Amino acid sequence: MAVTGIGGFFFRAKDPEGLRKWYLDHLGVGSLPYGQWDTQAGPSVFSPFAADTDYWAADHGWMLNLRVEGLDGMIATLRGAGITVTTNPDWDMPGVGRFARIHDPEGNPIELWEPDD
């Protein structure tokens, strides 16, 4: 018996409905009943980090990583909506993919990952 994928990601929010709408409007996440969305088969990473990691801000215990297609277009759309997007060539890894970072309205870190083909 083995886990076959991530069944959900649940977290606390000050404004759950507003945050649900933000994720839907800007990332297309949660459009089906109960916040579901259809995902494509592909790699997912489950990786605990050291408590003192500097990979994301220390005031958050987690960072959501979303696999995306068309990262450049998504970055342009997000910036057009007034969302700050951070990129750093040092984050990009040949054979793994390219990365960008954003934060939701409650300050939660989100990493956008476009895997290499």
PDB file of N, CA and C in Angstrom:
ATOM      1  N   MET A   1       0.845  -1.173   0.000  1.00  0.00           N
ATOM      2  CA  MET A   1       0.000   0.000   0.000  1.00  0.00           C
ATOM      3  C   MET A   1       0.897   1.245   0.000  1.00  0.00           C
ATOM      4  N   ALA A   2       0.537   2.255  -0.805  1.00  0.00           N
ATOM      5  CA  ALA A   2       1.341   3.462  -0.884  1.00  0.00           C
ATOM      6  C   ALA A   2       0.443   4.659  -1.177  1.00  0.00           C
ATOM      7  N   VAL A   3       0.905   5.819  -0.827  1.00  0.00           N
ATOM      8  CA  VAL A   3       0.212   7.061  -1.166  1.00  0.00           C
ATOM      9  C   VAL A   3       0.328   7.264  -2.666  1.00  0.00           C
ATOM     10  N   THR A   4      -0.755   7.698  -3.318  1.00  0.00           N
ATOM     11  CA  THR A   4      -0.750   7.875  -4.772  1.00  0.00           C
ATOM     12  C   THR A   4      -0.746   9.337  -5.197  1.00  0.00           C
ATOM     13  N   GLY A   5      -0.829  10.253  -4.260  1.00  0.00           N
ATOM     14  CA  GLY A   5      -0.798  11.674  -4.594  1.00  0.00           C
ATOM     15  C   GLY A   5      -1.295  12.502  -3.429  1.00  0.00           C
ATOM     16  N   ILE A   6      -1.235  13.783  -3.571  1.00  0.00           N
ATOM     17  CA  ILE A   6      -1.723  14.696  -2.541  1.00  0.00           C
ATOM     18  C   ILE A   6      -3.223  14.843  -2.727  1.00  0.00           C
ATOM     19  N   GLY A   7      -3.970  14.590  -1.688  1.00  0.00           N
ATOM     20  CA  GLY A   7      -5.426  14.678  -1.753  1.00  0.00           C
ATOM     21  C   GLY A   7      -5.956  16.054  -1.432  1.00  0.00           C
ATOM     22  N   GLY A   8      -5.163  16.885  -0.800  1.00  0.00           N
ATOM     23  CA  GLY A   8      -5.612  18.229  -0.470  1.00  0.00           C
ATOM     24  C   GLY A   8      -4.554  18.975   0.305  1.00  0.00           C
ATOM     25  N   PHE A   9      -4.760  20.253   0.405  1.00  0.00           N
ATOM     26  CA  PHE A   9      -3.887  21.112   1.194  1.00  0.00           C
ATOM     27  C   PHE A   9      -4.801  22.016   1.995  1.00  0.00           C
ATOM     28  N   PHE A  10      -4.765  21.916   3.294  1.00  0.00           N
ATOM     29  CA  PHE A  10      -5.691  22.628   4.158  1.00  0.00           C
ATOM     30  C   PHE A  10      -4.899  23.549   5.079  1.00  0.00           C
ATOM     31  N   PHE A  11      -5.369  24.781   5.221  1.00  0.00           N
ATOM     32  CA  PHE A  11      -4.672  25.722   6.093  1.00  0.00           C
ATOM     33  C   PHE A  11      -5.653  26.755   6.619  1.00  0.00           C
ATOM     34  N   ARG A  12      -5.290  27.392   7.699  1.00  0.00           N
ATOM     35  CA  ARG A  12      -6.136  28.402   8.325  1.00  0.00           C
ATOM     36  C   ARG A  12      -6.008  29.724   7.574  1.00  0.00           C
ATOM     37  N   ALA A  13      -7.094  30.495   7.572  1.00  0.00           N
ATOM     38  CA  ALA A  13      -7.083  31.809   6.913  1.00  0.00           C
ATOM     39  C   ALA A  13      -7.942  32.769   7.715  1.00  0.00           C
ATOM     40  N   LYS A  14      -7.549  34.032   7.708  1.00  0.00           N
ATOM     41  CA  LYS A  14      -8.353  35.066   8.371  1.00  0.00           C
ATOM     42  C   LYS A  14      -9.641  35.314   7.594  1.00  0.00           C
ATOM     43  N   ASP A  15      -9.569  35.219   6.270  1.00  0.00           N
ATOM     44  CA  ASP A  15     -10.723  35.430   5.397  1.00  0.00           C
ATOM     45  C   ASP A  15     -10.792  34.256   4.416  1.00  0.00           C
ATOM     46  N   PRO A  16     -11.295  33.089   4.851  1.00  0.00           N
ATOM     47  CA  PRO A  16     -11.281  31.910   3.982  1.00  0.00           C
ATOM     48  C   PRO A  16     -11.965  32.120   2.639  1.00  0.00           C
ATOM     49  N   GLU A  17     -13.120  32.768   2.615  1.00  0.00           N
ATOM     50  CA  GLU A  17     -13.823  32.961   1.353  1.00  0.00           C
ATOM     51  C   GLU A  17     -13.060  33.911   0.433  1.00  0.00           C
ATOM     52  N   GLY A  18     -12.542  35.000   0.975  1.00  0.00           N
ATOM     53  CA  GLY A  18     -11.762  35.933   0.167  1.00  0.00           C
ATOM     54  C   GLY A  18     -10.501  35.295  -0.380  1.00  0.00           C
ATOM     55  N   LEU A  19      -9.837  34.493   0.441  1.00  0.00           N
ATOM     56  CA  LEU A  19      -8.618  33.829   0.001  1.00  0.00           C
ATOM     57  C   LEU A  19      -8.927  32.755  -1.038  1.00  0.00           C
ATOM     58  N   ARG A  20     -10.022  32.015  -0.845  1.00  0.00           N
ATOM     59  CA  ARG A  20     -10.436  31.022  -1.841  1.00  0.00           C
ATOM     60  C   ARG A  20     -10.643  31.694  -3.190  1.00  0.00           C
ATOM     61  N   LYS A  21     -11.323  32.856  -3.189  1.00  0.00           N
ATOM     62  CA  LYS A  21     -11.576  33.600  -4.420  1.00  0.00           C
ATOM     63  C   LYS A  21     -10.277  34.078  -5.056  1.00  0.00           C
ATOM     64  N   TRP A  22      -9.330  34.556  -4.256  1.00  0.00           N
ATOM     65  CA  TRP A  22      -8.041  35.026  -4.779  1.00  0.00           C
ATOM     66  C   TRP A  22      -7.317  33.882  -5.494  1.00  0.00           C
ATOM     67  N   TYR A  23      -7.257  32.697  -4.861  1.00  0.00           N
ATOM     68  CA  TYR A  23      -6.597  31.545  -5.485  1.00  0.00           C
ATOM     69  C   TYR A  23      -7.304  31.152  -6.781  1.00  0.00           C
ATOM     70  N   LEU A  24      -8.619  31.209  -6.791  1.00  0.00           N
ATOM     71  CA  LEU A  24      -9.371  30.884  -7.994  1.00  0.00           C
ATOM     72  C   LEU A  24      -9.115  31.917  -9.084  1.00  0.00           C
ATOM     73  N   ASP A  25      -9.239  33.195  -8.758  1.00  0.00           N
ATOM     74  CA  ASP A  25      -9.096  34.257  -9.747  1.00  0.00           C
ATOM     75  C   ASP A  25      -7.691  34.347 -10.334  1.00  0.00           C
ATOM     76  N   HIS A  26      -6.658  34.167  -9.522  1.00  0.00           N
ATOM     77  CA  HIS A  26      -5.288  34.403  -9.983  1.00  0.00           C
ATOM     78  C   HIS A  26      -4.512  33.147 -10.341  1.00  0.00           C
ATOM     79  N   LEU A  27      -4.904  32.001  -9.766  1.00  0.00           N
ATOM     80  CA  LEU A  27      -4.156  30.777 -10.030  1.00  0.00           C
ATOM     81  C   LEU A  27      -5.016  29.653 -10.588  1.00  0.00           C
ATOM     82  N   GLY A  28      -6.338  29.868 -10.660  1.00  0.00           N
ATOM     83  CA  GLY A  28      -7.229  28.843 -11.190  1.00  0.00           C
ATOM     84  C   GLY A  28      -7.395  27.651 -10.270  1.00  0.00           C
ATOM     85  N   VAL A  29      -7.073  27.810  -9.010  1.00  0.00           N
ATOM     86  CA  VAL A  29      -7.154  26.729  -8.032  1.00  0.00           C
ATOM     87  C   VAL A  29      -8.496  26.770  -7.323  1.00  0.00           C
ATOM     88  N   GLY A  30      -9.186  25.642  -7.279  1.00  0.00           N
ATOM     89  CA  GLY A  30     -10.393  25.534  -6.472  1.00  0.00           C
ATOM     90  C   GLY A  30     -11.679  25.882  -7.171  1.00  0.00           C
ATOM     91  N   SER A  31     -11.794  25.613  -8.453  1.00  0.00           N
ATOM     92  CA  SER A  31     -12.992  25.994  -9.204  1.00  0.00           C
ATOM     93  C   SER A  31     -14.136  24.997  -9.079  1.00  0.00           C
ATOM     94  N   LEU A  32     -13.873  23.788  -8.650  1.00  0.00           N
ATOM     95  CA  LEU A  32     -14.905  22.762  -8.538  1.00  0.00           C
ATOM     96  C   LEU A  32     -15.476  22.744  -7.119  1.00  0.00           C
ATOM     97  N   PRO A  33     -16.564  22.020  -6.896  1.00  0.00           N
ATOM     98  CA  PRO A  33     -17.144  21.972  -5.539  1.00  0.00           C
ATOM     99  C   PRO A  33     -16.099  21.601  -4.488  1.00  0.00           C
ATOM    100  N   TYR A  34     -16.232  22.187  -3.320  1.00  0.00           N
ATOM    101  CA  TYR A  34     -15.348  21.939  -2.174  1.00  0.00           C
ATOM    102  C   TYR A  34     -13.921  22.404  -2.426  1.00  0.00           C
ATOM    103  N   GLY A  35     -13.712  23.302  -3.383  1.00  0.00           N
ATOM    104  CA  GLY A  35     -12.376  23.810  -3.653  1.00  0.00           C
ATOM    105  C   GLY A  35     -11.496  22.868  -4.442  1.00  0.00           C
ATOM    106  N   GLN A  36     -12.073  21.859  -5.064  1.00  0.00           N
ATOM    107  CA  GLN A  36     -11.284  20.909  -5.851  1.00  0.00           C
ATOM    108  C   GLN A  36     -10.826  21.570  -7.151  1.00  0.00           C
ATOM    109  N   TRP A  37      -9.806  21.017  -7.732  1.00  0.00           N
ATOM    110  CA  TRP A  37      -9.443  21.355  -9.093  1.00  0.00           C
ATOM    111  C   TRP A  37      -8.769  20.153  -9.701  1.00  0.00           C
ATOM    112  N   ASP A  38      -8.971  19.972 -11.007  1.00  0.00           N
ATOM    113  CA  ASP A  38      -8.359  18.848 -11.703  1.00  0.00           C
ATOM    114  C   ASP A  38      -6.901  19.171 -11.964  1.00  0.00           C
ATOM    115  N   THR A  39      -6.050  18.227 -11.637  1.00  0.00           N
ATOM    116  CA  THR A  39      -4.626  18.422 -11.850  1.00  0.00           C
ATOM    117  C   THR A  39      -4.122  17.411 -12.867  1.00  0.00           C
ATOM    118  N   GLN A  40      -3.020  17.732 -13.476  1.00  0.00           N
ATOM    119  CA  GLN A  40      -2.393  16.814 -14.412  1.00  0.00           C
ATOM    120  C   GLN A  40      -1.442  15.910 -13.644  1.00  0.00           C
ATOM    121  N   ALA A  41      -1.298  14.696 -14.106  1.00  0.00           N
ATOM    122  CA  ALA A  41      -0.324  13.798 -13.495  1.00  0.00           C
ATOM    123  C   ALA A  41       1.063  14.385 -13.683  1.00  0.00           C
ATOM    124  N   GLY A  42       1.864  14.241 -12.712  1.00  0.00           N
ATOM    125  CA  GLY A  42       3.228  14.745 -12.791  1.00  0.00           C
ATOM    126  C   GLY A  42       3.869  14.678 -11.425  1.00  0.00           C
ATOM    127  N   PRO A  43       5.094  15.112 -11.357  1.00  0.00           N
ATOM    128  CA  PRO A  43       5.823  14.994 -10.098  1.00  0.00           C
ATOM    129  C   PRO A  43       5.290  15.942  -9.028  1.00  0.00           C
ATOM    130  N   SER A  44       5.328  15.475  -7.817  1.00  0.00           N
ATOM    131  CA  SER A  44       5.075  16.297  -6.636  1.00  0.00           C
ATOM    132  C   SER A  44       6.239  16.058  -5.693  1.00  0.00           C
ATOM    133  N   VAL A  45       6.591  17.060  -4.932  1.00  0.00           N
ATOM    134  CA  VAL A  45       7.719  16.952  -4.011  1.00  0.00           C
ATOM    135  C   VAL A  45       7.195  17.061  -2.589  1.00  0.00           C
ATOM    136  N   PHE A  46       7.604  16.156  -1.740  1.00  0.00           N
ATOM    137  CA  PHE A  46       7.304  16.198  -0.311  1.00  0.00           C
ATOM    138  C   PHE A  46       8.652  16.250   0.382  1.00  0.00           C
ATOM    139  N   SER A  47       8.995  17.410   0.945  1.00  0.00           N
ATOM    140  CA  SER A  47      10.336  17.567   1.474  1.00  0.00           C
ATOM    141  C   SER A  47      10.359  18.463   2.699  1.00  0.00           C
ATOM    142  N   PRO A  48      10.503  17.883   3.884  1.00  0.00           N
ATOM    143  CA  PRO A  48      10.729  18.725   5.056  1.00  0.00           C
ATOM    144  C   PRO A  48      12.058  19.471   4.913  1.00  0.00           C
ATOM    145  N   PHE A  49      12.078  20.697   5.390  1.00  0.00           N
ATOM    146  CA  PHE A  49      13.288  21.510   5.381  1.00  0.00           C
ATOM    147  C   PHE A  49      13.754  21.705   6.818  1.00  0.00           C
ATOM    148  N   ALA A  50      15.002  22.048   6.994  1.00  0.00           N
ATOM    149  CA  ALA A  50      15.527  22.357   8.326  1.00  0.00           C
ATOM    150  C   ALA A  50      14.754  23.547   8.904  1.00  0.00           C
ATOM    151  N   ALA A  51      14.576  23.555  10.205  1.00  0.00           N
ATOM    152  CA  ALA A  51      13.815  24.610  10.877  1.00  0.00           C
ATOM    153  C   ALA A  51      14.397  25.992  10.615  1.00  0.00           C
ATOM    154  N   ASP A  52      15.684  26.083  10.343  1.00  0.00           N
ATOM    155  CA  ASP A  52      16.315  27.390  10.121  1.00  0.00           C
ATOM    156  C   ASP A  52      16.565  27.689   8.638  1.00  0.00           C
ATOM    157  N   THR A  53      15.823  27.019   7.739  1.00  0.00           N
ATOM    158  CA  THR A  53      16.008  27.259   6.309  1.00  0.00           C
ATOM    159  C   THR A  53      15.772  28.725   5.956  1.00  0.00           C
ATOM    160  N   ASP A  54      16.471  29.189   4.951  1.00  0.00           N
ATOM    161  CA  ASP A  54      16.207  30.538   4.437  1.00  0.00           C
ATOM    162  C   ASP A  54      15.563  30.456   3.048  1.00  0.00           C
ATOM    163  N   TYR A  55      15.044  29.276   2.700  1.00  0.00           N
ATOM    164  CA  TYR A  55      14.409  29.084   1.396  1.00  0.00           C
ATOM    165  C   TYR A  55      13.120  29.883   1.271  1.00  0.00           C
ATOM    166  N   TRP A  56      12.461  30.167   2.402  1.00  0.00           N
ATOM    167  CA  TRP A  56      11.318  31.085   2.475  1.00  0.00           C
ATOM    168  C   TRP A  56      11.357  31.758   3.829  1.00  0.00           C
ATOM    169  N   ALA A  57      10.509  32.765   4.009  1.00  0.00           N
ATOM    170  CA  ALA A  57      10.536  33.589   5.225  1.00  0.00           C
ATOM    171  C   ALA A  57      10.326  32.757   6.484  1.00  0.00           C
ATOM    172  N   ALA A  58      11.072  33.091   7.509  1.00  0.00           N
ATOM    173  CA  ALA A  58      11.060  32.343   8.765  1.00  0.00           C
ATOM    174  C   ALA A  58       9.734  32.441   9.512  1.00  0.00           C
ATOM    175  N   ASP A  59       8.901  33.437   9.190  1.00  0.00           N
ATOM    176  CA  ASP A  59       7.640  33.587   9.918  1.00  0.00           C
ATOM    177  C   ASP A  59       6.535  32.678   9.388  1.00  0.00           C
ATOM    178  N   HIS A  60       6.850  31.809   8.435  1.00  0.00           N
ATOM    179  CA  HIS A  60       5.883  30.835   7.921  1.00  0.00           C
ATOM    180  C   HIS A  60       6.481  29.437   8.013  1.00  0.00           C
ATOM    181  N   GLY A  61       5.694  28.504   8.496  1.00  0.00           N
ATOM    182  CA  GLY A  61       6.178  27.149   8.662  1.00  0.00           C
ATOM    183  C   GLY A  61       6.106  26.307   7.407  1.00  0.00           C
ATOM    184  N   TRP A  62       5.517  26.841   6.338  1.00  0.00           N
ATOM    185  CA  TRP A  62       5.358  26.077   5.109  1.00  0.00           C
ATOM    186  C   TRP A  62       5.396  27.006   3.898  1.00  0.00           C
ATOM    187  N   MET A  63       5.601  26.427   2.727  1.00  0.00           N
ATOM    188  CA  MET A  63       5.487  27.143   1.456  1.00  0.00           C
ATOM    189  C   MET A  63       4.793  26.208   0.475  1.00  0.00           C
ATOM    190  N   LEU A  64       3.748  26.702  -0.155  1.00  0.00           N
ATOM    191  CA  LEU A  64       3.025  25.940  -1.169  1.00  0.00           C
ATOM    192  C   LEU A  64       3.777  26.044  -2.487  1.00  0.00           C
ATOM    193  N   ASN A  65       3.989  24.916  -3.151  1.00  0.00           N
ATOM    194  CA  ASN A  65       4.639  24.880  -4.454  1.00  0.00           C
ATOM    195  C   ASN A  65       3.598  24.369  -5.447  1.00  0.00           C
ATOM    196  N   LEU A  66       3.333  25.158  -6.483  1.00  0.00           N
ATOM    197  CA  LEU A  66       2.366  24.777  -7.505  1.00  0.00           C
ATOM    198  C   LEU A  66       3.084  24.557  -8.828  1.00  0.00           C
ATOM    199  N   ARG A  67       2.836  23.405  -9.449  1.00  0.00           N
ATOM    200  CA  ARG A  67       3.387  23.079 -10.759  1.00  0.00           C
ATOM    201  C   ARG A  67       2.574  23.818 -11.810  1.00  0.00           C
ATOM    202  N   VAL A  68       3.238  24.531 -12.729  1.00  0.00           N
ATOM    203  CA  VAL A  68       2.536  25.352 -13.722  1.00  0.00           C
ATOM    204  C   VAL A  68       3.082  25.097 -15.123  1.00  0.00           C
ATOM    205  N   GLU A  69       2.293  25.493 -16.108  1.00  0.00           N
ATOM    206  CA  GLU A  69       2.735  25.551 -17.503  1.00  0.00           C
ATOM    207  C   GLU A  69       2.728  27.012 -17.908  1.00  0.00           C
ATOM    208  N   GLY A  70       3.665  27.418 -18.742  1.00  0.00           N
ATOM    209  CA  GLY A  70       3.691  28.788 -19.238  1.00  0.00           C
ATOM    210  C   GLY A  70       4.025  29.793 -18.146  1.00  0.00           C
ATOM    211  N   LEU A  71       5.120  29.560 -17.451  1.00  0.00           N
ATOM    212  CA  LEU A  71       5.500  30.413 -16.324  1.00  0.00           C
ATOM    213  C   LEU A  71       5.632  31.877 -16.730  1.00  0.00           C
ATOM    214  N   ASP A  72       6.235  32.158 -17.866  1.00  0.00           N
ATOM    215  CA  ASP A  72       6.417  33.559 -18.282  1.00  0.00           C
ATOM    216  C   ASP A  72       5.078  34.267 -18.455  1.00  0.00           C
ATOM    217  N   GLY A  73       4.120  33.603 -19.084  1.00  0.00           N
ATOM    218  CA  GLY A  73       2.794  34.185 -19.257  1.00  0.00           C
ATOM    219  C   GLY A  73       2.088  34.380 -17.932  1.00  0.00           C
ATOM    220  N   MET A  74       2.237  33.410 -17.016  1.00  0.00           N
ATOM    221  CA  MET A  74       1.620  33.531 -15.704  1.00  0.00           C
ATOM    222  C   MET A  74       2.228  34.697 -14.932  1.00  0.00           C
ATOM    223  N   ILE A  75       3.538  34.857 -15.013  1.00  0.00           N
ATOM    224  CA  ILE A  75       4.203  35.977 -14.343  1.00  0.00           C
ATOM    225  C   ILE A  75       3.644  37.297 -14.872  1.00  0.00           C
ATOM    226  N   ALA A  76       3.516  37.419 -16.182  1.00  0.00           N
ATOM    227  CA  ALA A  76       2.991  38.658 -16.775  1.00  0.00           C
ATOM    228  C   ALA A  76       1.563  38.927 -16.309  1.00  0.00           C
ATOM    229  N   THR A  77       0.734  37.887 -16.275  1.00  0.00           N
ATOM    230  CA  THR A  77      -0.656  38.046 -15.833  1.00  0.00           C
ATOM    231  C   THR A  77      -0.729  38.457 -14.368  1.00  0.00           C
ATOM    232  N   LEU A  78       0.055  37.809 -13.530  1.00  0.00           N
ATOM    233  CA  LEU A  78       0.060  38.145 -12.104  1.00  0.00           C
ATOM    234  C   LEU A  78       0.537  39.577 -11.883  1.00  0.00           C
ATOM    235  N   ARG A  79       1.607  39.949 -12.547  1.00  0.00           N
ATOM    236  CA  ARG A  79       2.103  41.328 -12.402  1.00  0.00           C
ATOM    237  C   ARG A  79       1.070  42.326 -12.912  1.00  0.00           C
ATOM    238  N   GLY A  80       0.380  41.974 -13.991  1.00  0.00           N
ATOM    239  CA  GLY A  80      -0.675  42.835 -14.526  1.00  0.00           C
ATOM    240  C   GLY A  80      -1.820  43.024 -13.542  1.00  0.00           C
ATOM    241  N   ALA A  81      -2.006  42.049 -12.651  1.00  0.00           N
ATOM    242  CA  ALA A  81      -3.046  42.134 -11.620  1.00  0.00           C
ATOM    243  C   ALA A  81      -2.530  42.809 -10.351  1.00  0.00           C
ATOM    244  N   GLY A  82      -1.288  43.309 -10.405  1.00  0.00           N
ATOM    245  CA  GLY A  82      -0.724  44.010  -9.252  1.00  0.00           C
ATOM    246  C   GLY A  82      -0.085  43.103  -8.216  1.00  0.00           C
ATOM    247  N   ILE A  83       0.149  41.845  -8.555  1.00  0.00           N
ATOM    248  CA  ILE A  83       0.770  40.894  -7.632  1.00  0.00           C
ATOM    249  C   ILE A  83       2.277  40.924  -7.826  1.00  0.00           C
ATOM    250  N   THR A  84       3.006  41.079  -6.743  1.00  0.00           N
ATOM    251  CA  THR A  84       4.460  41.080  -6.801  1.00  0.00           C
ATOM    252  C   THR A  84       4.957  39.668  -7.080  1.00  0.00           C
ATOM    253  N   VAL A  85       5.777  39.539  -8.107  1.00  0.00           N
ATOM    254  CA  VAL A  85       6.368  38.250  -8.480  1.00  0.00           C
ATOM    255  C   VAL A  85       7.878  38.393  -8.393  1.00  0.00           C
ATOM    256  N   THR A  86       8.502  37.470  -7.686  1.00  0.00           N
ATOM    257  CA  THR A  86       9.954  37.478  -7.560  1.00  0.00           C
ATOM    258  C   THR A  86      10.526  36.300  -8.333  1.00  0.00           C
ATOM    259  N   THR A  87      11.555  36.580  -9.117  1.00  0.00           N
ATOM    260  CA  THR A  87      12.295  35.524  -9.803  1.00  0.00           C
ATOM    261  C   THR A  87      13.764  35.673  -9.438  1.00  0.00           C
ATOM    262  N   ASN A  88      14.497  34.598  -9.581  1.00  0.00           N
ATOM    263  CA  ASN A  88      15.924  34.626  -9.289  1.00  0.00           C
ATOM    264  C   ASN A  88      16.566  33.507 -10.106  1.00  0.00           C
ATOM    265  N   PRO A  89      17.465  33.841 -11.013  1.00  0.00           N
ATOM    266  CA  PRO A  89      18.088  32.801 -11.839  1.00  0.00           C
ATOM    267  C   PRO A  89      18.759  31.699 -11.013  1.00  0.00           C
ATOM    268  N   ASP A  90      19.181  32.024  -9.793  1.00  0.00           N
ATOM    269  CA  ASP A  90      19.809  31.015  -8.936  1.00  0.00           C
ATOM    270  C   ASP A  90      18.824  29.928  -8.504  1.00  0.00           C
ATOM    271  N   TRP A  91      17.521  30.215  -8.540  1.00  0.00           N
ATOM    272  CA  TRP A  91      16.510  29.219  -8.171  1.00  0.00           C
ATOM    273  C   TRP A  91      16.292  28.203  -9.288  1.00  0.00           C
ATOM    274  N   ASP A  92      16.537  28.602 -10.538  1.00  0.00           N
ATOM    275  CA  ASP A  92      16.279  27.733 -11.684  1.00  0.00           C
ATOM    276  C   ASP A  92      17.334  26.630 -11.744  1.00  0.00           C
ATOM    277  N   MET A  93      16.868  25.401 -12.021  1.00  0.00           N
ATOM    278  CA  MET A  93      17.774  24.256 -12.028  1.00  0.00           C
ATOM    279  C   MET A  93      17.584  23.450 -13.305  1.00  0.00           C
ATOM    280  N   PRO A  94      18.609  23.391 -14.164  1.00  0.00           N
ATOM    281  CA  PRO A  94      18.507  22.564 -15.357  1.00  0.00           C
ATOM    282  C   PRO A  94      18.150  21.131 -14.982  1.00  0.00           C
ATOM    283  N   GLY A  95      17.202  20.567 -15.719  1.00  0.00           N
ATOM    284  CA  GLY A  95      16.741  19.218 -15.436  1.00  0.00           C
ATOM    285  C   GLY A  95      15.624  19.168 -14.408  1.00  0.00           C
ATOM    286  N   VAL A  96      15.418  20.272 -13.687  1.00  0.00           N
ATOM    287  CA  VAL A  96      14.344  20.353 -12.692  1.00  0.00           C
ATOM    288  C   VAL A  96      13.299  21.357 -13.143  1.00  0.00           C
ATOM    289  N   GLY A  97      13.730  22.582 -13.445  1.00  0.00           N
ATOM    290  CA  GLY A  97      12.798  23.579 -13.944  1.00  0.00           C
ATOM    291  C   GLY A  97      13.101  24.992 -13.479  1.00  0.00           C
ATOM    292  N   ARG A  98      12.118  25.857 -13.727  1.00  0.00           N
ATOM    293  CA  ARG A  98      12.213  27.279 -13.398  1.00  0.00           C
ATOM    294  C   ARG A  98      11.210  27.614 -12.305  1.00  0.00           C
ATOM    295  N   PHE A  99      11.533  28.660 -11.533  1.00  0.00           N
ATOM    296  CA  PHE A  99      10.730  28.994 -10.367  1.00  0.00           C
ATOM    297  C   PHE A  99      10.449  30.488 -10.286  1.00  0.00           C
ATOM    298  N   ALA A 100       9.335  30.818  -9.673  1.00  0.00           N
ATOM    299  CA  ALA A 100       8.980  32.195  -9.332  1.00  0.00           C
ATOM    300  C   ALA A 100       8.255  32.135  -7.993  1.00  0.00           C
ATOM    301  N   ARG A 101       8.220  33.251  -7.286  1.00  0.00           N
ATOM    302  CA  ARG A 101       7.565  33.282  -5.974  1.00  0.00           C
ATOM    303  C   ARG A 101       6.578  34.431  -5.896  1.00  0.00           C
ATOM    304  N   ILE A 102       5.459  34.162  -5.229  1.00  0.00           N
ATOM    305  CA  ILE A 102       4.454  35.175  -4.933  1.00  0.00           C
ATOM    306  C   ILE A 102       3.975  34.945  -3.500  1.00  0.00           C
ATOM    307  N   HIS A 103       3.130  35.843  -3.014  1.00  0.00           N
ATOM    308  CA  HIS A 103       2.477  35.662  -1.718  1.00  0.00           C
ATOM    309  C   HIS A 103       0.994  35.929  -1.906  1.00  0.00           C
ATOM    310  N   ASP A 104       0.162  35.152  -1.204  1.00  0.00           N
ATOM    311  CA  ASP A 104      -1.269  35.413  -1.265  1.00  0.00           C
ATOM    312  C   ASP A 104      -1.600  36.633  -0.391  1.00  0.00           C
ATOM    313  N   PRO A 105      -2.831  37.104  -0.393  1.00  0.00           N
ATOM    314  CA  PRO A 105      -3.173  38.311   0.366  1.00  0.00           C
ATOM    315  C   PRO A 105      -2.925  38.212   1.873  1.00  0.00           C
ATOM    316  N   GLU A 106      -2.788  36.996   2.404  1.00  0.00           N
ATOM    317  CA  GLU A 106      -2.501  36.846   3.827  1.00  0.00           C
ATOM    318  C   GLU A 106      -1.015  36.620   4.093  1.00  0.00           C
ATOM    319  N   GLY A 107      -0.193  36.784   3.043  1.00  0.00           N
ATOM    320  CA  GLY A 107       1.253  36.679   3.201  1.00  0.00           C
ATOM    321  C   GLY A 107       1.819  35.281   3.098  1.00  0.00           C
ATOM    322  N   ASN A 108       0.995  34.300   2.761  1.00  0.00           N
ATOM    323  CA  ASN A 108       1.486  32.923   2.626  1.00  0.00           C
ATOM    324  C   ASN A 108       2.353  32.790   1.380  1.00  0.00           C
ATOM    325  N   PRO A 109       3.525  32.172   1.504  1.00  0.00           N
ATOM    326  CA  PRO A 109       4.424  32.033   0.363  1.00  0.00           C
ATOM    327  C   PRO A 109       3.964  30.951  -0.609  1.00  0.00           C
ATOM    328  N   ILE A 110       4.076  31.264  -1.894  1.00  0.00           N
ATOM    329  CA  ILE A 110       3.716  30.325  -2.962  1.00  0.00           C
ATOM    330  C   ILE A 110       4.859  30.309  -3.961  1.00  0.00           C
ATOM    331  N   GLU A 111       5.342  29.129  -4.263  1.00  0.00           N
ATOM    332  CA  GLU A 111       6.361  28.975  -5.288  1.00  0.00           C
ATOM    333  C   GLU A 111       5.691  28.395  -6.521  1.00  0.00           C
ATOM    334  N   LEU A 112       5.937  29.001  -7.658  1.00  0.00           N
ATOM    335  CA  LEU A 112       5.424  28.517  -8.943  1.00  0.00           C
ATOM    336  C   LEU A 112       6.571  27.793  -9.636  1.00  0.00           C
ATOM    337  N   TRP A 113       6.327  26.568 -10.047  1.00  0.00           N
ATOM    338  CA  TRP A 113       7.367  25.718 -10.622  1.00  0.00           C
ATOM    339  C   TRP A 113       6.934  25.245 -11.994  1.00  0.00           C
ATOM    340  N   GLU A 114       7.732  25.589 -13.004  1.00  0.00           N
ATOM    341  CA  GLU A 114       7.534  25.044 -14.350  1.00  0.00           C
ATOM    342  C   GLU A 114       8.619  24.004 -14.585  1.00  0.00           C
ATOM    343  N   PRO A 115       8.246  22.704 -14.489  1.00  0.00           N
ATOM    344  CA  PRO A 115       9.257  21.648 -14.674  1.00  0.00           C
ATOM    345  C   PRO A 115       9.851  21.674 -16.070  1.00  0.00           C
ATOM    346  N   ASP A 116      11.119  21.297 -16.153  1.00  0.00           N
ATOM    347  CA  ASP A 116      11.732  21.080 -17.460  1.00  0.00           C
ATOM    348  C   ASP A 116      11.081  19.862 -18.087  1.00  0.00           C
ATOM    349  N   ASP A 117      10.960  19.891 -19.394  1.00  0.00           N
ATOM    350  CA  ASP A 117      10.367  18.732 -20.093  1.00  0.00           C
ATOM    351  C   ASP A 117      11.377  17.632 -20.261  1.00  0.00           C
TER     352      ASP A 117
END
